[in-house]
Amino acid sequence: MKKILKWSLVILFVVLLIDLGIIGIKIFSHDYDVIPESYIGYVCFLMLAVCGILMLFSTRCPYCGKVQITKGKYCPYCGNEKNSGNSKVEK
């Protein structure tokens, strides 16, 4: 899931940059009809926000399985170190 979210973020960011470049070129050449491009940019921006929020809340403790918002070394719920051991919680 994290790989999909990371690749989605990268692809959406590239599409947003290309879209903003097209808007800039159109405005520079005095063509002010940029409504379709602005809709594309708006949708990309919203999807970037959703992917960012999902990435923030997709980190889970390998021991207790609770969602981790902090990037600390220890789980605030169970107190175990996050990166030591191979214990995984089955869903």
N, C-alpha and C. Protein backbone atom coordinates (compact mmCIF):
# COMPACT_ATOMS: atom_id res chain seq x y z
N MET A 1 0.81 -1.19 0.00
CA MET A 1 0.00 0.00 0.00
C MET A 1 0.86 1.26 0.00
N LYS A 2 1.96 1.23 0.77
CA LYS A 2 2.82 2.40 0.82
C LYS A 2 3.49 2.67 -0.52
N LYS A 3 3.88 1.62 -1.22
CA LYS A 3 4.52 1.82 -2.53
C LYS A 3 3.53 2.44 -3.51
N ILE A 4 2.30 1.99 -3.46
CA ILE A 4 1.27 2.55 -4.35
C ILE A 4 1.07 4.03 -4.03
N LEU A 5 1.00 4.36 -2.75
CA LEU A 5 0.81 5.75 -2.36
C LEU A 5 2.00 6.62 -2.76
N LYS A 6 3.22 6.10 -2.59
CA LYS A 6 4.41 6.87 -2.97
C LYS A 6 4.44 7.11 -4.47
N TRP A 7 4.17 6.08 -5.26
CA TRP A 7 4.16 6.25 -6.71
C TRP A 7 3.02 7.17 -7.14
N SER A 8 1.89 7.09 -6.48
CA SER A 8 0.79 8.00 -6.80
C SER A 8 1.18 9.44 -6.52
N LEU A 9 1.86 9.66 -5.39
CA LEU A 9 2.32 11.01 -5.08
C LEU A 9 3.28 11.53 -6.15
N VAL A 10 4.21 10.70 -6.57
CA VAL A 10 5.18 11.12 -7.57
C VAL A 10 4.49 11.43 -8.90
N ILE A 11 3.62 10.54 -9.34
CA ILE A 11 2.93 10.74 -10.62
C ILE A 11 2.04 11.97 -10.58
N LEU A 12 1.29 12.13 -9.49
CA LEU A 12 0.41 13.30 -9.37
C LEU A 12 1.21 14.59 -9.33
N PHE A 13 2.35 14.58 -8.66
CA PHE A 13 3.18 15.78 -8.60
C PHE A 13 3.72 16.15 -9.97
N VAL A 14 4.16 15.15 -10.74
CA VAL A 14 4.65 15.41 -12.09
C VAL A 14 3.53 15.94 -12.98
N VAL A 15 2.35 15.34 -12.90
CA VAL A 15 1.21 15.81 -13.70
C VAL A 15 0.85 17.24 -13.31
N LEU A 16 0.88 17.54 -12.01
CA LEU A 16 0.58 18.90 -11.56
C LEU A 16 1.60 19.90 -12.08
N LEU A 17 2.88 19.53 -12.06
CA LEU A 17 3.91 20.43 -12.58
C LEU A 17 3.74 20.67 -14.08
N ILE A 18 3.44 19.61 -14.83
CA ILE A 18 3.21 19.76 -16.27
C ILE A 18 1.99 20.63 -16.52
N ASP A 19 0.94 20.42 -15.76
CA ASP A 19 -0.28 21.20 -15.92
C ASP A 19 -0.03 22.68 -15.61
N LEU A 20 0.70 22.96 -14.53
CA LEU A 20 1.02 24.35 -14.21
C LEU A 20 1.91 24.98 -15.28
N GLY A 21 2.80 24.19 -15.87
CA GLY A 21 3.62 24.69 -16.98
C GLY A 21 2.77 25.05 -18.18
N ILE A 22 1.79 24.21 -18.50
CA ILE A 22 0.89 24.49 -19.63
C ILE A 22 0.08 25.76 -19.35
N ILE A 23 -0.40 25.92 -18.12
CA ILE A 23 -1.14 27.13 -17.77
C ILE A 23 -0.24 28.36 -17.93
N GLY A 24 0.99 28.25 -17.46
CA GLY A 24 1.92 29.37 -17.58
C GLY A 24 2.21 29.74 -19.03
N ILE A 25 2.40 28.74 -19.88
CA ILE A 25 2.66 29.00 -21.30
C ILE A 25 1.45 29.64 -21.96
N LYS A 26 0.26 29.17 -21.62
CA LYS A 26 -0.95 29.76 -22.19
C LYS A 26 -1.12 31.22 -21.77
N ILE A 27 -0.89 31.49 -20.50
CA ILE A 27 -1.03 32.86 -20.01
C ILE A 27 0.05 33.75 -20.63
N PHE A 28 1.25 33.22 -20.78
CA PHE A 28 2.35 33.99 -21.37
C PHE A 28 2.06 34.35 -22.82
N SER A 29 1.34 33.47 -23.53
CA SER A 29 1.02 33.74 -24.93
C SER A 29 -0.35 34.42 -25.08
N HIS A 30 -0.87 34.99 -24.00
CA HIS A 30 -2.11 35.76 -23.97
C HIS A 30 -3.34 34.94 -24.34
N ASP A 31 -3.31 33.65 -24.03
CA ASP A 31 -4.48 32.79 -24.20
C ASP A 31 -5.00 32.50 -22.79
N TYR A 32 -6.06 33.17 -22.41
CA TYR A 32 -6.56 33.10 -21.04
C TYR A 32 -7.64 32.04 -20.84
N ASP A 33 -7.81 31.14 -21.77
CA ASP A 33 -8.78 30.05 -21.63
C ASP A 33 -8.07 28.86 -20.98
N VAL A 34 -7.97 28.88 -19.66
CA VAL A 34 -7.24 27.85 -18.92
C VAL A 34 -8.15 27.07 -17.98
N ILE A 35 -9.43 27.08 -18.23
CA ILE A 35 -10.38 26.41 -17.33
C ILE A 35 -10.15 24.90 -17.27
N PRO A 36 -9.99 24.19 -18.40
CA PRO A 36 -9.75 22.73 -18.27
C PRO A 36 -8.46 22.41 -17.52
N GLU A 37 -7.42 23.20 -17.78
CA GLU A 37 -6.15 22.96 -17.09
C GLU A 37 -6.25 23.24 -15.60
N SER A 38 -7.04 24.25 -15.25
CA SER A 38 -7.18 24.55 -13.82
C SER A 38 -7.99 23.46 -13.10
N TYR A 39 -8.96 22.86 -13.79
CA TYR A 39 -9.68 21.73 -13.20
C TYR A 39 -8.74 20.54 -12.99
N ILE A 40 -7.89 20.28 -13.96
CA ILE A 40 -6.93 19.18 -13.82
C ILE A 40 -5.99 19.45 -12.65
N GLY A 41 -5.50 20.69 -12.54
CA GLY A 41 -4.62 21.05 -11.43
C GLY A 41 -5.32 20.92 -10.09
N TYR A 42 -6.58 21.32 -10.03
CA TYR A 42 -7.35 21.22 -8.79
C TYR A 42 -7.52 19.76 -8.36
N VAL A 43 -7.87 18.90 -9.31
CA VAL A 43 -8.05 17.48 -9.00
C VAL A 43 -6.72 16.86 -8.56
N CYS A 44 -5.62 17.20 -9.24
CA CYS A 44 -4.31 16.69 -8.84
C CYS A 44 -3.95 17.15 -7.44
N PHE A 45 -4.23 18.41 -7.13
CA PHE A 45 -3.93 18.93 -5.80
C PHE A 45 -4.74 18.21 -4.73
N LEU A 46 -6.02 17.97 -4.99
CA LEU A 46 -6.84 17.24 -4.02
C LEU A 46 -6.35 15.81 -3.83
N MET A 47 -5.99 15.15 -4.94
CA MET A 47 -5.50 13.77 -4.83
C MET A 47 -4.15 13.72 -4.11
N LEU A 48 -3.30 14.73 -4.32
CA LEU A 48 -2.04 14.80 -3.58
C LEU A 48 -2.31 14.92 -2.08
N ALA A 49 -3.28 15.73 -1.71
CA ALA A 49 -3.63 15.90 -0.30
C ALA A 49 -4.14 14.59 0.29
N VAL A 50 -5.00 13.89 -0.44
CA VAL A 50 -5.55 12.62 0.05
C VAL A 50 -4.44 11.58 0.20
N CYS A 51 -3.55 11.49 -0.78
CA CYS A 51 -2.44 10.53 -0.68
C CYS A 51 -1.52 10.86 0.48
N GLY A 52 -1.27 12.15 0.70
CA GLY A 52 -0.43 12.55 1.83
C GLY A 52 -1.04 12.18 3.17
N ILE A 53 -2.34 12.39 3.29
CA ILE A 53 -3.03 12.04 4.54
C ILE A 53 -3.03 10.53 4.74
N LEU A 54 -3.27 9.78 3.67
CA LEU A 54 -3.24 8.31 3.79
C LEU A 54 -1.85 7.81 4.16
N MET A 55 -0.80 8.43 3.61
CA MET A 55 0.56 8.01 3.96
C MET A 55 0.85 8.32 5.43
N LEU A 56 0.31 9.44 5.91
CA LEU A 56 0.54 9.81 7.30
C LEU A 56 -0.08 8.80 8.26
N PHE A 57 -1.28 8.32 7.92
CA PHE A 57 -1.99 7.41 8.81
C PHE A 57 -1.82 5.94 8.46
N SER A 58 -0.91 5.60 7.55
CA SER A 58 -0.74 4.19 7.18
C SER A 58 0.40 3.52 7.94
N THR A 59 1.13 4.25 8.76
CA THR A 59 2.21 3.67 9.54
C THR A 59 1.63 2.97 10.76
N ARG A 60 1.94 1.70 10.91
CA ARG A 60 1.42 0.92 12.04
C ARG A 60 2.57 0.30 12.83
N CYS A 61 2.32 0.09 14.11
CA CYS A 61 3.29 -0.58 14.99
C CYS A 61 3.34 -2.06 14.62
N PRO A 62 4.54 -2.64 14.50
CA PRO A 62 4.63 -4.06 14.17
C PRO A 62 4.20 -4.99 15.31
N TYR A 63 4.05 -4.46 16.53
CA TYR A 63 3.68 -5.29 17.67
C TYR A 63 2.20 -5.21 18.01
N CYS A 64 1.68 -3.98 18.18
CA CYS A 64 0.28 -3.86 18.60
C CYS A 64 -0.66 -3.54 17.42
N GLY A 65 -0.11 -3.09 16.29
CA GLY A 65 -0.92 -2.84 15.11
C GLY A 65 -1.67 -1.52 15.11
N LYS A 66 -1.41 -0.66 16.09
CA LYS A 66 -2.11 0.63 16.14
C LYS A 66 -1.46 1.62 15.19
N VAL A 67 -2.26 2.56 14.70
CA VAL A 67 -1.78 3.57 13.78
C VAL A 67 -0.82 4.51 14.50
N GLN A 68 0.35 4.73 13.90
CA GLN A 68 1.37 5.59 14.49
C GLN A 68 1.42 6.91 13.73
N ILE A 69 1.16 8.00 14.40
CA ILE A 69 1.26 9.32 13.77
C ILE A 69 2.65 9.88 13.97
N THR A 70 3.29 9.58 15.09
CA THR A 70 4.63 10.09 15.37
C THR A 70 5.68 9.25 14.66
N LYS A 71 6.83 9.84 14.45
CA LYS A 71 7.94 9.14 13.80
C LYS A 71 9.00 8.72 14.81
N GLY A 72 8.60 8.53 16.05
CA GLY A 72 9.54 8.18 17.12
C GLY A 72 10.07 6.76 17.00
N LYS A 73 11.02 6.45 17.87
CA LYS A 73 11.66 5.14 17.86
C LYS A 73 10.80 4.09 18.56
N TYR A 74 9.98 4.52 19.52
CA TYR A 74 9.16 3.61 20.30
C TYR A 74 7.68 3.87 20.06
N CYS A 75 6.89 2.82 20.18
CA CYS A 75 5.44 2.94 20.03
C CYS A 75 4.86 3.60 21.28
N PRO A 76 4.03 4.66 21.13
CA PRO A 76 3.46 5.30 22.31
C PRO A 76 2.39 4.46 23.00
N TYR A 77 1.89 3.42 22.36
CA TYR A 77 0.83 2.59 22.94
C TYR A 77 1.39 1.40 23.71
N CYS A 78 2.30 0.65 23.07
CA CYS A 78 2.81 -0.55 23.74
C CYS A 78 4.23 -0.39 24.29
N GLY A 79 4.96 0.64 23.85
CA GLY A 79 6.30 0.91 24.36
C GLY A 79 7.41 0.12 23.71
N ASN A 80 7.10 -0.75 22.76
CA ASN A 80 8.13 -1.53 22.09
C ASN A 80 8.84 -0.70 21.03
N GLU A 81 10.10 -1.08 20.77
CA GLU A 81 10.86 -0.40 19.72
C GLU A 81 10.31 -0.83 18.36
N LYS A 82 10.09 0.12 17.49
CA LYS A 82 9.42 -0.18 16.22
C LYS A 82 10.27 -0.98 15.25
N ASN A 83 11.56 -0.73 15.19
CA ASN A 83 12.40 -1.35 14.17
C ASN A 83 13.17 -2.56 14.64
N SER A 84 12.97 -3.01 15.87
CA SER A 84 13.69 -4.19 16.34
C SER A 84 12.76 -5.41 16.28
N GLY A 85 13.27 -6.48 15.77
CA GLY A 85 12.48 -7.73 15.71
C GLY A 85 11.68 -7.84 14.44
N ASN A 86 11.17 -9.03 14.21
CA ASN A 86 10.40 -9.30 13.02
C ASN A 86 8.96 -9.62 13.33
N SER A 87 8.47 -9.21 14.49
CA SER A 87 7.11 -9.50 14.89
C SER A 87 6.14 -8.67 14.08
N LYS A 88 5.18 -9.30 13.45
CA LYS A 88 4.15 -8.60 12.66
C LYS A 88 2.78 -9.00 13.18
N VAL A 89 1.87 -8.06 13.19
CA VAL A 89 0.51 -8.32 13.62
C VAL A 89 -0.29 -8.75 12.40
N GLU A 90 -0.97 -9.88 12.49
CA GLU A 90 -1.81 -10.37 11.40
C GLU A 90 -3.14 -9.66 11.43
N LYS A 91 -3.65 -9.30 10.26
CA LYS A 91 -4.96 -8.63 10.19
C LYS A 91 -6.03 -9.63 9.86
